[in-house]
Amino acid sequence: MKNFKWFARSWMSLVYLFLYLPIIVLVIFSFNEGRPTRWNGFTLNNYADLFQNQQVIDGLFASLRVAAITSVLSVVIGTLIAFVLVRYRGFLGKTLFSGMANTPLVMPEVVLGLSLLIVFKDLFHVEGGAYWTIVLGHTLLGAAYASVVIKARLSELSLTYEEAALDLGARPIQVFFLVTLPMIAQSLMSAALLVFTISFDDVVIAEFLKGPGVQTLPNVIMNYSRQGTKPVVVALGAMIVFVVSFVLITGSIWMQKREKRRQAEIAAAFRDAT
């Protein structure tokens, strides 16, 4: 048993080292003076150059804009897809509809980007330079992910609450907005965050659909990487790590406090009942 514990701990240590060592190296060399080939001394100039780089700032706002719009559209479309697949079980063509809704999950992004490029540029003769082509491409992919998350929650949701609302005189549209949506609100938020992350991180579809005047942040990073790793790119990667870590830690602390508060309220209600 001791040998097994030693092996398990060693294996997990190697896994964590494999996953997080590149991130640790990235953060360390973001404070390095000069290119990240060897340690030349501590400096904060890389971050100063990062905050003064207009191309990076424009790419950041472009990615945030595209990701925000994409997450909203994807959640709306994904909710409708999930609702149809879960609540309407016997309509004609359901298998085809379900397969088409899940196709973007298994289709390579290169194929999606190329097909959308042909549709926009060759069929509809859409010229580049706008964000909405990237938004539509990301929405096609994001709606598939959102529908999977929301469908899982809807499948667990009992019909009792909706049927009770219908028995009390509510219309189906009222039941959907006043009963169903509040009960799946957490899955909607989870889907929105997932799609936001996917859209913000995507480079393949954006590379196909972006116009000459549009550069998302991943495209900016790719352009810099073609010229060799620059200190500003390393600082940008480290900054993303800092922001994501802060959000995760803050969210975890908030969820823990919320869970403790909920447990305390349950315990208080139990004491009052007894």
Protein backbone atom coordinates (compact mmCIF):
# COMPACT_ATOMS: atom_id res chain seq x y z
CA MET A 1 0.00 0.00 0.00
CA LYS A 2 2.85 2.42 0.79
CA ASN A 3 4.47 1.69 -2.56
CA PHE A 4 1.18 2.36 -4.31
CA LYS A 5 0.76 5.71 -2.53
CA TRP A 6 4.32 6.65 -3.47
CA PHE A 7 3.67 5.75 -7.11
CA ALA A 8 0.35 7.65 -7.16
CA ARG A 9 1.90 10.77 -5.65
CA SER A 10 4.88 10.62 -8.02
CA TRP A 11 2.60 10.18 -11.01
CA MET A 12 0.37 13.09 -9.98
CA SER A 13 3.45 15.25 -9.41
CA LEU A 14 4.65 14.51 -12.94
CA VAL A 15 1.22 15.32 -14.34
CA TYR A 16 1.05 18.65 -12.52
CA LEU A 17 4.61 19.41 -13.56
CA PHE A 18 3.76 18.71 -17.18
CA LEU A 19 0.66 20.92 -17.01
CA TYR A 20 1.93 23.88 -15.03
CA LEU A 21 5.67 24.08 -15.63
CA PRO A 22 5.26 25.91 -18.99
CA ILE A 23 2.94 28.43 -17.32
CA ILE A 24 5.39 28.98 -14.47
CA VAL A 25 8.24 29.48 -16.94
CA LEU A 26 6.08 31.93 -18.91
CA VAL A 27 5.32 34.00 -15.81
CA ILE A 28 8.98 34.02 -14.70
CA PHE A 29 10.34 35.08 -18.08
CA SER A 30 7.70 37.81 -18.38
CA PHE A 31 9.92 39.71 -15.93
CA ASN A 32 13.06 38.96 -17.93
CA GLU A 33 14.96 41.73 -19.66
CA GLY A 34 15.25 40.96 -23.36
CA ARG A 35 14.06 37.94 -25.31
CA PRO A 36 13.06 34.85 -23.29
CA THR A 37 16.01 32.71 -24.35
CA ARG A 38 18.01 33.16 -21.16
CA TRP A 39 17.68 35.12 -17.93
CA ASN A 40 19.16 38.61 -18.32
CA GLY A 41 17.80 40.33 -15.23
CA PHE A 42 14.56 41.42 -13.60
CA THR A 43 12.54 44.19 -15.25
CA LEU A 44 9.00 45.54 -15.48
CA ASN A 45 9.56 47.18 -18.85
CA ASN A 46 7.81 44.32 -20.65
CA TYR A 47 4.54 45.16 -18.90
CA ALA A 48 5.04 48.87 -19.54
CA ASP A 49 5.50 48.13 -23.24
CA LEU A 50 2.44 45.88 -23.15
CA PHE A 51 0.14 48.58 -21.80
CA GLN A 52 1.46 51.02 -24.42
CA ASN A 53 1.08 48.61 -27.35
CA GLN A 54 -1.95 49.90 -29.26
CA GLN A 55 -2.17 46.79 -31.45
CA VAL A 56 -2.50 44.55 -28.40
CA ILE A 57 -5.06 46.87 -26.80
CA ASP A 58 -7.17 47.01 -29.97
CA GLY A 59 -6.98 43.23 -30.30
CA LEU A 60 -8.05 42.80 -26.67
CA PHE A 61 -11.13 45.00 -27.08
CA ALA A 62 -11.97 43.30 -30.38
CA SER A 63 -11.80 39.86 -28.74
CA LEU A 64 -13.89 41.02 -25.77
CA ARG A 65 -16.49 42.51 -28.09
CA VAL A 66 -16.70 39.41 -30.27
CA ALA A 67 -16.75 37.03 -27.29
CA ALA A 68 -19.47 38.99 -25.47
CA ILE A 69 -21.79 39.11 -28.49
CA THR A 70 -21.05 35.48 -29.32
CA SER A 71 -21.85 34.27 -25.80
CA VAL A 72 -25.24 36.01 -25.82
CA LEU A 73 -26.22 34.72 -29.26
CA SER A 74 -24.95 31.22 -28.51
CA VAL A 75 -26.87 30.96 -25.24
CA VAL A 76 -30.10 32.10 -26.91
CA ILE A 77 -29.74 29.67 -29.81
CA GLY A 78 -28.42 26.88 -27.58
CA THR A 79 -31.37 27.28 -25.21
CA LEU A 80 -33.85 26.93 -28.07
CA ILE A 81 -32.01 23.88 -29.42
CA ALA A 82 -31.87 22.21 -26.01
CA PHE A 83 -35.52 23.00 -25.25
CA VAL A 84 -36.69 21.49 -28.54
CA LEU A 85 -34.60 18.34 -28.12
CA VAL A 86 -35.65 17.75 -24.50
CA ARG A 87 -39.27 18.89 -24.39
CA TYR A 88 -40.38 17.77 -27.88
CA ARG A 89 -39.33 14.15 -28.19
CA GLY A 90 -41.26 12.88 -31.20
CA PHE A 91 -41.15 15.45 -33.99
CA LEU A 92 -40.20 14.46 -37.51
CA GLY A 93 -36.52 14.87 -38.29
CA LYS A 94 -35.35 15.02 -34.67
CA THR A 95 -32.39 12.73 -35.31
CA LEU A 96 -31.23 14.86 -38.23
CA PHE A 97 -31.76 18.05 -36.22
CA SER A 98 -29.80 16.69 -33.26
CA GLY A 99 -26.97 15.56 -35.52
CA MET A 100 -26.76 18.92 -37.28
CA ALA A 101 -26.79 20.75 -33.94
CA ASN A 102 -23.86 18.66 -32.67
CA THR A 103 -21.86 18.61 -35.90
CA PRO A 104 -19.72 21.68 -35.01
CA LEU A 105 -18.49 19.81 -31.91
CA VAL A 106 -16.76 17.12 -33.98
CA MET A 107 -15.98 19.11 -37.11
CA PRO A 108 -12.41 20.49 -37.33
CA GLU A 109 -12.33 24.26 -37.00
CA VAL A 110 -10.32 24.47 -40.20
CA VAL A 111 -13.25 22.96 -42.08
CA LEU A 112 -15.72 25.28 -40.36
CA GLY A 113 -13.61 28.33 -41.09
CA LEU A 114 -13.07 27.37 -44.72
CA SER A 115 -16.76 26.61 -45.31
CA LEU A 116 -17.85 29.90 -43.73
CA LEU A 117 -15.24 31.74 -45.76
CA ILE A 118 -16.70 30.28 -48.95
CA VAL A 119 -20.25 31.16 -47.87
CA PHE A 120 -19.46 34.74 -46.89
CA LYS A 121 -16.94 35.66 -49.56
CA ASP A 122 -17.95 33.60 -52.62
CA LEU A 123 -21.72 33.24 -52.25
CA PHE A 124 -22.70 36.47 -50.52
CA HIS A 125 -19.64 38.53 -51.57
CA VAL A 126 -19.12 39.92 -48.07
CA GLU A 127 -15.99 42.02 -47.85
CA GLY A 128 -13.83 41.87 -44.75
CA GLY A 129 -13.45 44.61 -42.21
CA ALA A 130 -16.41 43.91 -39.94
CA TYR A 131 -16.73 41.94 -36.74
CA TRP A 132 -20.02 40.26 -37.51
CA THR A 133 -18.50 37.60 -39.78
CA ILE A 134 -16.30 36.42 -36.90
CA VAL A 135 -19.28 36.63 -34.54
CA LEU A 136 -21.39 34.43 -36.80
CA GLY A 137 -18.60 31.91 -37.15
CA HIS A 138 -18.04 31.75 -33.41
CA THR A 139 -21.78 31.55 -32.77
CA LEU A 140 -22.03 28.49 -35.02
CA LEU A 141 -19.48 26.75 -32.81
CA GLY A 142 -20.60 28.25 -29.50
CA ALA A 143 -24.28 27.35 -29.92
CA ALA A 144 -23.34 23.67 -30.12
CA TYR A 145 -21.41 23.85 -26.84
CA ALA A 146 -24.14 25.88 -25.16
CA SER A 147 -26.86 23.45 -26.21
CA VAL A 148 -24.98 20.52 -24.65
CA VAL A 149 -24.63 22.30 -21.29
CA ILE A 150 -28.22 23.54 -21.20
CA LYS A 151 -29.61 20.23 -22.45
CA ALA A 152 -27.97 18.41 -19.54
CA ARG A 153 -29.73 20.71 -17.05
CA LEU A 154 -33.09 20.53 -18.82
CA SER A 155 -32.93 16.73 -18.85
CA GLU A 156 -32.64 16.72 -15.05
CA LEU A 157 -35.41 19.27 -14.57
CA SER A 158 -38.72 17.77 -13.52
CA LEU A 159 -41.83 18.66 -15.53
CA THR A 160 -43.82 19.00 -12.31
CA TYR A 161 -43.13 22.71 -11.91
CA GLU A 162 -44.05 23.55 -15.49
CA GLU A 163 -47.20 21.42 -15.35
CA ALA A 164 -48.21 23.08 -12.08
CA ALA A 165 -47.81 26.50 -13.66
CA LEU A 166 -49.92 25.42 -16.63
CA ASP A 167 -52.62 24.08 -14.30
CA LEU A 168 -52.69 27.46 -12.54
CA GLY A 169 -53.49 29.21 -15.82
CA ALA A 170 -50.10 30.31 -17.09
CA ARG A 171 -49.49 30.26 -20.81
CA PRO A 172 -46.65 28.18 -22.26
CA ILE A 173 -44.60 31.29 -23.06
CA GLN A 174 -45.09 32.51 -19.48
CA VAL A 175 -44.05 29.12 -18.12
CA PHE A 176 -40.90 29.23 -20.21
CA PHE A 177 -39.81 32.70 -19.06
CA LEU A 178 -41.10 32.62 -15.47
CA VAL A 179 -40.49 29.00 -14.48
CA THR A 180 -38.11 27.21 -16.84
CA LEU A 181 -35.51 29.93 -17.42
CA PRO A 182 -35.01 30.80 -13.72
CA MET A 183 -34.52 27.12 -12.92
CA ILE A 184 -31.83 26.69 -15.58
CA ALA A 185 -30.18 30.06 -14.94
CA GLN A 186 -26.97 28.48 -13.61
CA SER A 187 -26.59 26.36 -16.73
CA LEU A 188 -27.15 29.45 -18.87
CA MET A 189 -24.38 31.25 -17.01
CA SER A 190 -22.08 28.23 -17.31
CA ALA A 191 -22.76 28.00 -21.04
CA ALA A 192 -22.15 31.72 -21.48
CA LEU A 193 -18.80 31.54 -19.68
CA LEU A 194 -17.78 28.46 -21.68
CA VAL A 195 -18.66 30.06 -25.01
CA PHE A 196 -16.99 33.34 -24.01
CA THR A 197 -13.76 31.46 -23.28
CA ILE A 198 -13.92 29.48 -26.53
CA SER A 199 -14.62 32.60 -28.59
CA PHE A 200 -11.96 34.68 -26.86
CA ASP A 201 -9.38 31.94 -27.39
CA ASP A 202 -10.27 31.02 -30.98
CA VAL A 203 -7.73 31.78 -33.68
CA VAL A 204 -8.59 29.42 -36.55
CA ILE A 205 -12.10 30.64 -37.42
CA ALA A 206 -11.12 34.25 -36.76
CA GLU A 207 -8.12 33.89 -39.08
CA PHE A 208 -10.40 32.74 -41.91
CA LEU A 209 -13.17 35.29 -41.36
CA LYS A 210 -11.38 38.44 -40.21
CA GLY A 211 -11.07 41.38 -42.54
CA PRO A 212 -7.93 43.43 -43.23
CA GLY A 213 -8.90 45.95 -40.55
CA VAL A 214 -9.82 43.44 -37.84
CA GLN A 215 -7.39 41.69 -35.51
CA THR A 216 -8.51 39.73 -32.47
CA LEU A 217 -6.07 39.19 -29.63
CA PRO A 218 -5.16 35.58 -30.61
CA ASN A 219 -4.46 36.81 -34.15
CA VAL A 220 -2.20 39.53 -32.77
CA ILE A 221 -0.31 36.96 -30.72
CA MET A 222 0.04 34.69 -33.75
CA ASN A 223 1.40 37.54 -35.84
CA TYR A 224 3.96 38.36 -33.18
CA SER A 225 4.91 34.70 -32.82
CA ARG A 226 5.73 34.43 -36.52
CA GLN A 227 8.44 37.02 -35.93
CA GLY A 228 9.88 35.15 -32.97
CA THR A 229 8.91 35.27 -29.32
CA LYS A 230 8.93 38.87 -28.16
CA PRO A 231 8.96 40.08 -24.53
CA VAL A 232 5.64 41.89 -25.00
CA VAL A 233 3.96 38.63 -26.02
CA VAL A 234 5.37 36.83 -22.98
CA ALA A 235 4.12 39.63 -20.74
CA LEU A 236 0.71 39.40 -22.42
CA GLY A 237 0.52 35.66 -21.74
CA ALA A 238 1.50 36.18 -18.12
CA MET A 239 -1.09 38.92 -17.76
CA ILE A 240 -3.80 36.57 -19.04
CA VAL A 241 -2.65 33.99 -16.48
CA PHE A 242 -2.89 36.59 -13.70
CA VAL A 243 -6.39 37.68 -14.72
CA VAL A 244 -7.73 34.15 -15.11
CA SER A 245 -6.21 33.08 -11.79
CA PHE A 246 -7.72 36.10 -10.03
CA VAL A 247 -11.16 35.38 -11.49
CA LEU A 248 -10.99 31.69 -10.55
CA ILE A 249 -9.81 32.35 -7.01
CA THR A 250 -12.37 35.10 -6.47
CA GLY A 251 -15.15 32.95 -7.90
CA SER A 252 -14.16 29.97 -5.74
CA ILE A 253 -14.12 32.08 -2.58
CA TRP A 254 -17.50 33.60 -3.45
CA MET A 255 -19.02 30.17 -4.13
CA GLN A 256 -17.65 28.78 -0.86
CA LYS A 257 -19.08 31.69 1.12
CA ARG A 258 -22.40 31.33 -0.67
CA GLU A 259 -22.51 27.61 0.08
CA LYS A 260 -21.69 28.21 3.76
CA ARG A 261 -24.43 30.85 3.93
CA ARG A 262 -26.90 28.45 2.32
CA GLN A 263 -25.97 25.67 4.73
CA ALA A 264 -26.39 28.06 7.65
CA GLU A 265 -29.82 29.11 6.39
CA ILE A 266 -30.85 25.47 6.02
CA ALA A 267 -29.63 24.69 9.52
CA ALA A 268 -31.47 27.73 10.93
CA ALA A 269 -34.69 26.76 9.15
CA PHE A 270 -34.34 23.20 10.47
CA ARG A 271 -33.90 24.47 14.03
CA ASP A 272 -36.92 26.73 13.71
CA ALA A 273 -39.00 23.86 12.36
CA THR A 274 -38.07 21.60 15.25
